[in-house]
C-alpha atoms as a PDB file:
ATOM      1  CA  MET A   1       0.000   0.000   0.000  1.00  0.00           C
ATOM      2  CA  ILE A   2       1.068   3.577  -0.584  1.00  0.00           C
ATOM      3  CA  ASN A   3       2.502   5.254   2.505  1.00  0.00           C
ATOM      4  CA  ALA A   4       2.785   8.825   3.748  1.00  0.00           C
ATOM      5  CA  ARG A   5       6.315   9.319   2.390  1.00  0.00           C
ATOM      6  CA  GLN A   6       5.245   8.187  -1.084  1.00  0.00           C
ATOM      7  CA  LEU A   7       2.321  10.594  -0.943  1.00  0.00           C
ATOM      8  CA  GLU A   8       4.658  13.408   0.052  1.00  0.00           C
ATOM      9  CA  VAL A   9       6.970  12.677  -2.904  1.00  0.00           C
ATOM     10  CA  LEU A  10       4.047  12.408  -5.300  1.00  0.00           C
ATOM     11  CA  SER A  11       2.533  15.704  -4.169  1.00  0.00           C
ATOM     12  CA  THR A  12       5.878  17.513  -4.284  1.00  0.00           C
ATOM     13  CA  VAL A  13       6.713  16.344  -7.810  1.00  0.00           C
ATOM     14  CA  ILE A  14       3.239  17.396  -8.980  1.00  0.00           C
ATOM     15  CA  GLU A  15       3.712  20.820  -7.390  1.00  0.00           C
ATOM     16  CA  VAL A  16       7.214  21.598  -8.751  1.00  0.00           C
ATOM     17  CA  GLY A  17       7.178  19.568 -12.003  1.00  0.00           C
ATOM     18  CA  THR A  18      10.652  17.937 -11.864  1.00  0.00           C
ATOM     19  CA  THR A  19      12.341  15.258  -9.817  1.00  0.00           C
ATOM     20  CA  ALA A  20      15.414  17.456  -9.425  1.00  0.00           C
ATOM     21  CA  ARG A  21      13.503  20.258  -7.751  1.00  0.00           C
ATOM     22  CA  ALA A  22      11.492  17.805  -5.638  1.00  0.00           C
ATOM     23  CA  ALA A  23      14.743  16.175  -4.479  1.00  0.00           C
ATOM     24  CA  GLU A  24      16.096  19.569  -3.448  1.00  0.00           C
ATOM     25  CA  ILE A  25      12.966  20.429  -1.483  1.00  0.00           C
ATOM     26  CA  LEU A  26      12.787  17.022   0.250  1.00  0.00           C
ATOM     27  CA  ASN A  27      16.548  16.934   0.832  1.00  0.00           C
ATOM     28  CA  VAL A  28      17.119  13.598  -0.914  1.00  0.00           C
ATOM     29  CA  SER A  29      18.826  12.531  -4.165  1.00  0.00           C
ATOM     30  CA  GLN A  30      17.130  12.775  -7.545  1.00  0.00           C
ATOM     31  CA  PRO A  31      17.467   9.001  -8.152  1.00  0.00           C
ATOM     32  CA  ALA A  32      15.686   8.394  -4.833  1.00  0.00           C
ATOM     33  CA  ILE A  33      12.746  10.487  -6.036  1.00  0.00           C
ATOM     34  CA  SER A  34      12.637   8.646  -9.375  1.00  0.00           C
ATOM     35  CA  ASN A  35      12.795   5.265  -7.639  1.00  0.00           C
ATOM     36  CA  MET A  36      10.032   6.299  -5.248  1.00  0.00           C
ATOM     37  CA  ILE A  37       7.762   7.290  -8.141  1.00  0.00           C
ATOM     38  CA  ARG A  38       8.374   3.996  -9.962  1.00  0.00           C
ATOM     39  CA  HIS A  39       7.724   2.051  -6.761  1.00  0.00           C
ATOM     40  CA  THR A  40       4.503   3.973  -6.121  1.00  0.00           C
ATOM     41  CA  GLU A  41       3.290   3.246  -9.660  1.00  0.00           C
ATOM     42  CA  SER A  42       4.136  -0.402  -9.103  1.00  0.00           C
ATOM     43  CA  VAL A  43       2.265  -0.821  -5.814  1.00  0.00           C
ATOM     44  CA  THR A  44      -0.778   1.108  -7.047  1.00  0.00           C
ATOM     45  CA  GLY A  45      -0.884  -0.353 -10.515  1.00  0.00           C
ATOM     46  CA  LEU A  46      -1.408   3.145 -11.909  1.00  0.00           C
ATOM     47  CA  THR A  47       0.459   5.350 -14.301  1.00  0.00           C
ATOM     48  CA  LEU A  48       1.030   8.501 -12.284  1.00  0.00           C
ATOM     49  CA  PHE A  49       3.163  10.570 -14.658  1.00  0.00           C
ATOM     50  CA  GLU A  50       3.642  10.971 -18.391  1.00  0.00           C
ATOM     51  CA  ARG A  51       7.233  11.775 -19.378  1.00  0.00           C
ATOM     52  CA  ASP A  52       7.665  14.713 -21.762  1.00  0.00           C
ATOM     53  CA  ARG A  53      11.194  16.016 -22.534  1.00  0.00           C
ATOM     54  CA  GLY A  54      12.418  15.703 -18.961  1.00  0.00           C
ATOM     55  CA  ARG A  55       9.236  16.914 -17.319  1.00  0.00           C
ATOM     56  CA  LEU A  56       6.753  14.770 -15.498  1.00  0.00           C
ATOM     57  CA  ILE A  57       3.133  15.412 -16.403  1.00  0.00           C
ATOM     58  CA  PRO A  58       0.827  14.114 -13.635  1.00  0.00           C
ATOM     59  CA  THR A  59      -2.068  11.983 -14.769  1.00  0.00           C
ATOM     60  CA  ARG A  60      -5.637  12.558 -13.632  1.00  0.00           C
ATOM     61  CA  GLU A  61      -5.226   9.643 -11.195  1.00  0.00           C
ATOM     62  CA  ALA A  62      -2.075  11.190  -9.703  1.00  0.00           C
ATOM     63  CA  ARG A  63      -3.809  14.509  -9.170  1.00  0.00           C
ATOM     64  CA  HIS A  64      -6.743  12.793  -7.532  1.00  0.00           C
ATOM     65  CA  ILE A  65      -4.465  10.914  -5.110  1.00  0.00           C
ATOM     66  CA  ALA A  66      -2.492  14.103  -4.327  1.00  0.00           C
ATOM     67  CA  GLN A  67      -5.681  16.014  -3.650  1.00  0.00           C
ATOM     68  CA  GLU A  68      -6.869  13.375  -1.193  1.00  0.00           C
ATOM     69  CA  ALA A  69      -3.412  13.352   0.422  1.00  0.00           C
ATOM     70  CA  GLN A  70      -3.822  16.989   1.424  1.00  0.00           C
ATOM     71  CA  HIS A  71      -6.283  15.884   4.132  1.00  0.00           C
ATOM     72  CA  LEU A  72      -3.619  13.551   5.514  1.00  0.00           C
ATOM     73  CA  PHE A  73      -0.973  16.273   5.454  1.00  0.00           C
ATOM     74  CA  MET A  74      -3.275  18.670   7.280  1.00  0.00           C
ATOM     75  CA  GLN A  75      -3.979  16.017   9.927  1.00  0.00           C
ATOM     76  CA  GLN A  76      -0.256  15.313  10.319  1.00  0.00           C
ATOM     77  CA  LYS A  77       0.407  19.023  10.763  1.00  0.00           C
ATOM     78  CA  ARG A  78      -2.346  19.220  13.380  1.00  0.00           C
ATOM     79  CA  ILE A  79      -0.888  16.237  15.245  1.00  0.00           C
ATOM     80  CA  ARG A  80       2.600  17.802  15.176  1.00  0.00           C
ATOM     81  CA  THR A  81       1.108  20.984  16.610  1.00  0.00           C
ATOM     82  CA  ILE A  82      -0.709  19.044  19.333  1.00  0.00           C
ATOM     83  CA  VAL A  83       2.461  17.129  20.248  1.00  0.00           C
ATOM     84  CA  ALA A  84       4.408  20.383  20.513  1.00  0.00           C
ATOM     85  CA  GLU A  85       1.697  21.958  22.662  1.00  0.00           C
ATOM     86  CA  LEU A  86       1.564  18.919  24.939  1.00  0.00           C
ATOM     87  CA  ARG A  87       5.354  18.973  25.240  1.00  0.00           C
ATOM     88  CA  GLU A  88       5.287  22.650  26.161  1.00  0.00           C
ATOM     89  CA  GLY A  89       2.331  22.233  28.535  1.00  0.00           C
ATOM     90  CA  THR A  90       0.104  24.641  26.603  1.00  0.00           C
ATOM     91  CA  ILE A  91      -2.829  22.242  26.106  1.00  0.00           C
ATOM     92  CA  GLY A  92      -4.381  19.466  28.143  1.00  0.00           C
ATOM     93  CA  THR A  93      -6.393  19.152  31.333  1.00  0.00           C
ATOM     94  CA  LEU A  94      -5.426  20.140  34.848  1.00  0.00           C
ATOM     95  CA  ALA A  95      -7.322  18.996  37.932  1.00  0.00           C
ATOM     96  CA  ILE A  96      -6.380  21.022  41.018  1.00  0.00           C
ATOM     97  CA  VAL A  97      -7.450  20.548  44.610  1.00  0.00           C
ATOM     98  CA  ALA A  98      -6.519  23.055  47.300  1.00  0.00           C
ATOM     99  CA  SER A  99      -7.215  24.034  50.864  1.00  0.00           C
ATOM    100  CA  PRO A 100      -9.838  26.799  51.006  1.00  0.00           C
ATOM    101  CA  SER A 101      -7.406  29.417  52.316  1.00  0.00           C
ATOM    102  CA  ILE A 102      -5.363  28.987  49.129  1.00  0.00           C
ATOM    103  CA  GLY A 103      -8.198  28.167  46.755  1.00  0.00           C
ATOM    104  CA  LEU A 104     -10.193  31.237  47.766  1.00  0.00           C
ATOM    105  CA  GLY A 105      -7.180  33.525  47.890  1.00  0.00           C
ATOM    106  CA  VAL A 106      -3.997  33.400  45.850  1.00  0.00           C
ATOM    107  CA  LEU A 107      -4.799  30.409  43.622  1.00  0.00           C
ATOM    108  CA  PRO A 108      -7.466  32.080  41.413  1.00  0.00           C
ATOM    109  CA  LYS A 109      -5.080  34.973  40.765  1.00  0.00           C
ATOM    110  CA  ALA A 110      -2.329  32.566  39.719  1.00  0.00           C
ATOM    111  CA  LEU A 111      -4.772  30.654  37.518  1.00  0.00           C
ATOM    112  CA  ALA A 112      -5.820  33.862  35.770  1.00  0.00           C
ATOM    113  CA  SER A 113      -2.284  34.649  34.639  1.00  0.00           C
ATOM    114  CA  PHE A 114      -1.638  30.985  33.756  1.00  0.00           C
ATOM    115  CA  ALA A 115      -4.810  30.804  31.635  1.00  0.00           C
ATOM    116  CA  ALA A 116      -3.825  33.961  29.787  1.00  0.00           C
ATOM    117  CA  GLN A 117      -0.665  32.178  28.622  1.00  0.00           C
ATOM    118  CA  ARG A 118      -2.351  28.818  27.993  1.00  0.00           C
ATOM    119  CA  PRO A 119      -5.944  29.400  26.884  1.00  0.00           C
ATOM    120  CA  LYS A 120      -6.305  25.813  25.591  1.00  0.00           C
ATOM    121  CA  VAL A 121      -5.766  24.219  29.010  1.00  0.00           C
ATOM    122  CA  ARG A 122      -8.993  23.067  30.674  1.00  0.00           C
ATOM    123  CA  VAL A 123      -8.833  23.465  34.447  1.00  0.00           C
ATOM    124  CA  SER A 124     -10.990  22.052  37.228  1.00  0.00           C
ATOM    125  CA  LEU A 125     -10.612  23.299  40.797  1.00  0.00           C
ATOM    126  CA  GLU A 126     -11.913  21.727  44.002  1.00  0.00           C
ATOM    127  CA  LEU A 127     -11.490  22.863  47.586  1.00  0.00           C
ATOM    128  CA  GLY A 128     -11.132  20.559  50.543  1.00  0.00           C
ATOM    129  CA  SER A 129      -9.474  19.666  53.807  1.00  0.00           C
ATOM    130  CA  ILE A 130      -6.077  17.994  53.826  1.00  0.00           C
ATOM    131  CA  ASP A 131      -7.837  14.616  54.142  1.00  0.00           C
ATOM    132  CA  GLU A 132      -9.972  15.359  51.078  1.00  0.00           C
ATOM    133  CA  ILE A 133      -6.940  16.624  49.174  1.00  0.00           C
ATOM    134  CA  THR A 134      -5.099  13.422  50.036  1.00  0.00           C
ATOM    135  CA  GLU A 135      -7.979  11.202  48.906  1.00  0.00           C
ATOM    136  CA  LEU A 136      -8.413  12.940  45.557  1.00  0.00           C
ATOM    137  CA  LEU A 137      -4.699  12.849  44.759  1.00  0.00           C
ATOM    138  CA  ALA A 138      -4.067   9.278  45.927  1.00  0.00           C
ATOM    139  CA  SER A 139      -6.981   8.002  43.839  1.00  0.00           C
ATOM    140  CA  GLY A 140      -5.807   9.837  40.715  1.00  0.00           C
ATOM    141  CA  ARG A 141      -8.857  12.122  40.587  1.00  0.00           C
ATOM    142  CA  ALA A 142      -6.669  15.228  40.901  1.00  0.00           C
ATOM    143  CA  ASP A 143      -3.319  16.088  39.348  1.00  0.00           C
ATOM    144  CA  ILE A 144      -1.932  18.484  41.940  1.00  0.00           C
ATOM    145  CA  GLY A 145      -2.862  19.866  45.333  1.00  0.00           C
ATOM    146  CA  PHE A 146      -1.870  22.955  47.291  1.00  0.00           C
ATOM    147  CA  SER A 147      -1.987  23.303  51.054  1.00  0.00           C
ATOM    148  CA  ILE A 148      -0.263  24.811  54.057  1.00  0.00           C
ATOM    149  CA  THR A 149      -0.831  21.514  55.873  1.00  0.00           C
ATOM    150  CA  VAL A 150       1.527  18.716  54.853  1.00  0.00           C
ATOM    151  CA  SER A 151       0.081  15.341  53.872  1.00  0.00           C
ATOM    152  CA  ARG A 152       1.869  12.293  55.295  1.00  0.00           C
ATOM    153  CA  HIS A 153       0.360   9.794  52.850  1.00  0.00           C
ATOM    154  CA  PRO A 154       3.108   7.472  51.496  1.00  0.00           C
ATOM    155  CA  SER A 155       1.811   7.606  47.911  1.00  0.00           C
ATOM    156  CA  LEU A 156       2.042  11.405  47.736  1.00  0.00           C
ATOM    157  CA  SER A 157       5.027  13.661  47.149  1.00  0.00           C
ATOM    158  CA  VAL A 158       5.177  17.042  48.905  1.00  0.00           C
ATOM    159  CA  THR A 159       7.222  19.888  47.448  1.00  0.00           C
ATOM    160  CA  PRO A 160       7.648  23.161  49.401  1.00  0.00           C
ATOM    161  CA  LEU A 161       6.901  26.100  47.101  1.00  0.00           C
ATOM    162  CA  ALA A 162       7.150  29.261  49.175  1.00  0.00           C
ATOM    163  CA  GLU A 163       7.718  30.432  52.724  1.00  0.00           C
ATOM    164  CA  GLY A 164       5.218  32.937  54.029  1.00  0.00           C
ATOM    165  CA  ARG A 165       3.837  34.372  57.226  1.00  0.00           C
ATOM    166  CA  LEU A 166       0.680  35.623  58.840  1.00  0.00           C
ATOM    167  CA  VAL A 167       0.197  39.373  58.889  1.00  0.00           C
ATOM    168  CA  CYS A 168      -2.309  41.487  60.746  1.00  0.00           C
ATOM    169  CA  VAL A 169      -4.719  43.294  58.453  1.00  0.00           C
ATOM    170  CA  CYS A 170      -6.670  46.247  59.788  1.00  0.00           C
ATOM    171  CA  PRO A 171      -9.347  48.556  58.429  1.00  0.00           C
ATOM    172  CA  ARG A 172      -7.768  51.811  57.310  1.00  0.00           C
ATOM    173  CA  GLY A 173      -7.799  54.261  60.218  1.00  0.00           C
ATOM    174  CA  HIS A 174      -7.738  51.534  62.905  1.00  0.00           C
ATOM    175  CA  ASP A 175      -5.509  52.184  65.928  1.00  0.00           C
ATOM    176  CA  LEU A 176      -3.226  49.254  65.058  1.00  0.00           C
ATOM    177  CA  THR A 177      -2.209  50.929  61.810  1.00  0.00           C
ATOM    178  CA  GLN A 178      -0.123  53.295  63.942  1.00  0.00           C
ATOM    179  CA  VAL A 179       2.311  50.557  65.014  1.00  0.00           C
ATOM    180  CA  LYS A 180       4.962  48.771  62.933  1.00  0.00           C
ATOM    181  CA  LYS A 181       4.387  45.348  64.507  1.00  0.00           C
ATOM    182  CA  VAL A 182       1.255  44.030  66.146  1.00  0.00           C
ATOM    183  CA  LYS A 183       1.642  41.824  69.221  1.00  0.00           C
ATOM    184  CA  VAL A 184      -0.484  38.767  68.555  1.00  0.00           C
ATOM    185  CA  THR A 185      -1.642  38.548  72.174  1.00  0.00           C
ATOM    186  CA  ASP A 186      -2.846  42.177  72.038  1.00  0.00           C
ATOM    187  CA  LEU A 187      -5.650  40.993  69.767  1.00  0.00           C
ATOM    188  CA  ASN A 188      -7.352  39.651  72.891  1.00  0.00           C
ATOM    189  CA  LEU A 189      -7.877  43.273  73.927  1.00  0.00           C
ATOM    190  CA  MET A 190     -10.172  44.065  71.006  1.00  0.00           C
ATOM    191  CA  PRO A 191     -12.898  42.396  68.952  1.00  0.00           C
ATOM    192  CA  HIS A 192     -11.201  40.623  66.086  1.00  0.00           C
ATOM    193  CA  ILE A 193     -11.747  37.954  63.492  1.00  0.00           C
ATOM    194  CA  SER A 194     -10.024  34.608  63.971  1.00  0.00           C
ATOM    195  CA  TYR A 195     -10.099  30.907  63.137  1.00  0.00           C
ATOM    196  CA  ALA A 196     -11.620  27.816  64.681  1.00  0.00           C
ATOM    197  CA  ALA A 197      -9.266  25.864  66.914  1.00  0.00           C
ATOM    198  CA  ALA A 198      -9.539  22.811  64.642  1.00  0.00           C
ATOM    199  CA  THR A 199      -8.116  24.656  61.613  1.00  0.00           C
ATOM    200  CA  PRO A 200      -4.371  24.782  60.825  1.00  0.00           C
ATOM    201  CA  LEU A 201      -4.276  28.577  61.273  1.00  0.00           C
ATOM    202  CA  GLY A 202      -6.285  28.341  64.479  1.00  0.00           C
ATOM    203  CA  ARG A 203      -3.761  25.881  65.913  1.00  0.00           C
ATOM    204  CA  LEU A 204      -0.864  28.106  64.865  1.00  0.00           C
ATOM    205  CA  VAL A 205      -2.297  31.161  66.621  1.00  0.00           C
ATOM    206  CA  ASP A 206      -3.405  29.144  69.654  1.00  0.00           C
ATOM    207  CA  GLN A 207       0.192  28.011  70.142  1.00  0.00           C
ATOM    208  CA  VAL A 208       1.315  31.635  70.608  1.00  0.00           C
ATOM    209  CA  PHE A 209      -1.267  32.201  73.321  1.00  0.00           C
ATOM    210  CA  ALA A 210      -0.619  28.833  74.991  1.00  0.00           C
ATOM    211  CA  GLU A 211       3.122  29.532  75.248  1.00  0.00           C
ATOM    212  CA  ARG A 212       2.260  32.673  77.189  1.00  0.00           C
ATOM    213  CA  GLY A 213      -0.316  30.990  79.394  1.00  0.00           C
ATOM    214  CA  LEU A 214      -3.216  32.749  77.700  1.00  0.00           C
ATOM    215  CA  GLU A 215      -6.402  31.655  75.993  1.00  0.00           C
ATOM    216  CA  ARG A 216      -7.280  33.162  72.634  1.00  0.00           C
ATOM    217  CA  ARG A 217     -10.497  35.231  72.591  1.00  0.00           C
ATOM    218  CA  TYR A 218     -12.155  36.712  69.520  1.00  0.00           C
ATOM    219  CA  GLY A 219     -15.459  38.153  68.419  1.00  0.00           C
ATOM    220  CA  TYR A 220     -15.880  36.538  65.006  1.00  0.00           C
ATOM    221  CA  GLU A 221     -14.961  33.031  63.906  1.00  0.00           C
ATOM    222  CA  VAL A 222     -14.229  32.036  60.316  1.00  0.00           C
ATOM    223  CA  ARG A 223     -12.596  29.035  58.659  1.00  0.00           C
ATOM    224  CA  HIS A 224     -10.827  30.748  55.789  1.00  0.00           C
ATOM    225  CA  THR A 225      -8.505  33.726  55.394  1.00  0.00           C
ATOM    226  CA  ALA A 226     -10.448  34.906  52.337  1.00  0.00           C
ATOM    227  CA  THR A 227     -13.521  35.368  54.527  1.00  0.00           C
ATOM    228  CA  ALA A 228     -11.520  37.140  57.225  1.00  0.00           C
ATOM    229  CA  LEU A 229      -9.983  39.476  54.660  1.00  0.00           C
ATOM    230  CA  GLU A 230     -13.362  40.506  53.300  1.00  0.00           C
ATOM    231  CA  MET A 231     -14.674  41.139  56.805  1.00  0.00           C
ATOM    232  CA  VAL A 232     -11.680  43.370  57.559  1.00  0.00           C
ATOM    233  CA  ALA A 233     -12.256  45.271  54.325  1.00  0.00           C
ATOM    234  CA  ALA A 234     -15.862  45.783  55.417  1.00  0.00           C
ATOM    235  CA  GLY A 235     -14.608  47.422  58.629  1.00  0.00           C
ATOM    236  CA  ILE A 236     -15.750  44.701  61.045  1.00  0.00           C
ATOM    237  CA  GLY A 237     -12.391  44.285  62.767  1.00  0.00           C
ATOM    238  CA  VAL A 238      -8.807  43.142  62.422  1.00  0.00           C
ATOM    239  CA  ALA A 239      -7.558  39.664  61.526  1.00  0.00           C
ATOM    240  CA  LEU A 240      -4.469  37.576  60.936  1.00  0.00           C
ATOM    241  CA  VAL A 241      -4.245  36.393  57.317  1.00  0.00           C
ATOM    242  CA  ASP A 242      -1.531  34.765  55.266  1.00  0.00           C
ATOM    243  CA  ASN A 243       0.541  37.199  53.230  1.00  0.00           C
ATOM    244  CA  PHE A 244      -0.172  35.122  50.093  1.00  0.00           C
ATOM    245  CA  ALA A 245      -3.766  36.369  50.244  1.00  0.00           C
ATOM    246  CA  LEU A 246      -2.479  39.904  49.645  1.00  0.00           C
ATOM    247  CA  ILE A 247      -0.622  39.068  46.421  1.00  0.00           C
ATOM    248  CA  GLY A 248      -2.155  41.001  43.554  1.00  0.00           C
ATOM    249  CA  ARG A 249      -4.672  42.678  45.870  1.00  0.00           C
ATOM    250  CA  GLU A 250      -4.647  46.444  46.152  1.00  0.00           C
ATOM    251  CA  ASP A 251      -7.427  47.455  48.495  1.00  0.00           C
ATOM    252  CA  PRO A 252      -7.351  50.979  49.980  1.00  0.00           C
ATOM    253  CA  ARG A 253      -9.705  49.817  52.726  1.00  0.00           C
ATOM    254  CA  ILE A 254      -7.089  47.657  54.487  1.00  0.00           C
ATOM    255  CA  VAL A 255      -3.600  48.079  55.930  1.00  0.00           C
ATOM    256  CA  ALA A 256      -1.212  45.199  56.711  1.00  0.00           C
ATOM    257  CA  ARG A 257       1.212  45.053  59.622  1.00  0.00           C
ATOM    258  CA  GLU A 258       3.844  42.488  60.643  1.00  0.00           C
ATOM    259  CA  THR A 259       3.277  40.425  63.778  1.00  0.00           C
ATOM    260  CA  ASP A 260       5.220  39.809  66.960  1.00  0.00           C
ATOM    261  CA  PRO A 261       6.101  36.971  67.140  1.00  0.00           C
ATOM    262  CA  LEU A 262       6.543  36.018  63.502  1.00  0.00           C
ATOM    263  CA  LEU A 263       4.028  33.355  62.473  1.00  0.00           C
ATOM    264  CA  PRO A 264       5.613  31.404  59.587  1.00  0.00           C
ATOM    265  CA  ILE A 265       3.604  29.323  57.145  1.00  0.00           C
ATOM    266  CA  ARG A 266       4.519  27.425  53.998  1.00  0.00           C
ATOM    267  CA  ILE A 267       2.656  26.607  50.822  1.00  0.00           C
ATOM    268  CA  SER A 268       3.452  23.183  49.408  1.00  0.00           C
ATOM    269  CA  SER A 269       2.381  21.356  46.291  1.00  0.00           C
ATOM    270  CA  ILE A 270       1.254  17.753  46.616  1.00  0.00           C
ATOM    271  CA  THR A 271       1.375  15.286  43.726  1.00  0.00           C
ATOM    272  CA  PRO A 272       0.660  11.546  43.471  1.00  0.00           C
ATOM    273  CA  ARG A 273       3.689   9.276  43.129  1.00  0.00           C
ATOM    274  CA  LEU A 274       1.700   6.615  41.264  1.00  0.00           C
ATOM    275  CA  PHE A 275       0.588   8.929  38.446  1.00  0.00           C
ATOM    276  CA  PRO A 276       3.373  10.760  36.570  1.00  0.00           C
ATOM    277  CA  ALA A 277       2.791  14.503  36.339  1.00  0.00           C
ATOM    278  CA  SER A 278       1.834  15.805  32.906  1.00  0.00           C
ATOM    279  CA  ASN A 279       3.758  18.658  31.344  1.00  0.00           C
ATOM    280  CA  VAL A 280       0.865  21.025  31.984  1.00  0.00           C
ATOM    281  CA  THR A 281       0.831  20.009  35.674  1.00  0.00           C
ATOM    282  CA  THR A 282       4.560  20.676  35.967  1.00  0.00           C
ATOM    283  CA  ALA A 283       4.162  23.967  34.112  1.00  0.00           C
ATOM    284  CA  PHE A 284       1.460  25.159  36.507  1.00  0.00           C
ATOM    285  CA  MET A 285       3.422  24.134  39.594  1.00  0.00           C
ATOM    286  CA  GLU A 286       6.367  26.235  38.410  1.00  0.00           C
ATOM    287  CA  HIS A 287       4.051  29.093  37.488  1.00  0.00           C
ATOM    288  CA  PHE A 288       2.422  28.980  40.931  1.00  0.00           C
ATOM    289  CA  ARG A 289       5.827  28.803  42.620  1.00  0.00           C
ATOM    290  CA  SER A 290       6.892  31.996  40.836  1.00  0.00           C
ATOM    291  CA  PHE A 291       3.566  33.668  41.556  1.00  0.00           C
ATOM    292  CA  VAL A 292       3.606  33.090  45.329  1.00  0.00           C
ATOM    293  CA  ALA A 293       7.282  34.040  45.530  1.00  0.00           C
ATOM    294  CA  ALA A 294       6.384  37.554  44.345  1.00  0.00           C
ATOM    295  CA  PRO A 295       6.448  40.216  47.072  1.00  0.00           C
ATOM    296  CA  ALA A 296       3.054  40.725  48.687  1.00  0.00           C
END
């Protein structure tokens, strides 16, 4: 049967009219082109060219075959394009799962800039606890996860992406905006927004109070920093939020201050060991790493 290379030679000779020119274009010898034409005529049982004073005149059958071959060439070109895009991580699917504090804060901003560069990538995003993140990744239902809580599951790989910290955000004009650093325990002296004791951030803040023999008190309880940030912007009170939540956010209603003591946090990516990461997954992890490393 005629193959793709024979079709390419046939179409090129028809287009340029001579075996010499076709050989130059295809970067082969002229005898190789002539032999290919004779072989193609042999396997098809058709006369494909009439010889006239050194020129090859394509027959009606040859033109018909070449015309049909154009569909194959277009499909090959499309496949080459797809392969290149897959290699570069510019097409494909990406299933992300993240803790709510990341998924409602910095992650959508990072996805927006990633999608602008790779509009053909289809993304799904789910939010969940570290146990839910672990389950989705270990079962292969998600490609990559992001959390400030580290999973200990043996089938998952954890990669630290960026070191961060909690900062105190205040409504503009609040008394705490007059100080350079806010003492975490001073928040007990005023109504403020904080996190449930069962959450990772709640445990982190509780540790500061426990080390000083104090019990944390607050007026408003939330589970996610995104919620706390919006409440601060609305003027309800002050709150501790991760500095990643402030990346790309310019809000004149809030002012951020460092804390005493420093409350470090870390964003990590989590990937399944049993399912190799696609190029688009790797590309987004590096994009997210660069995004969260930007100054807040």
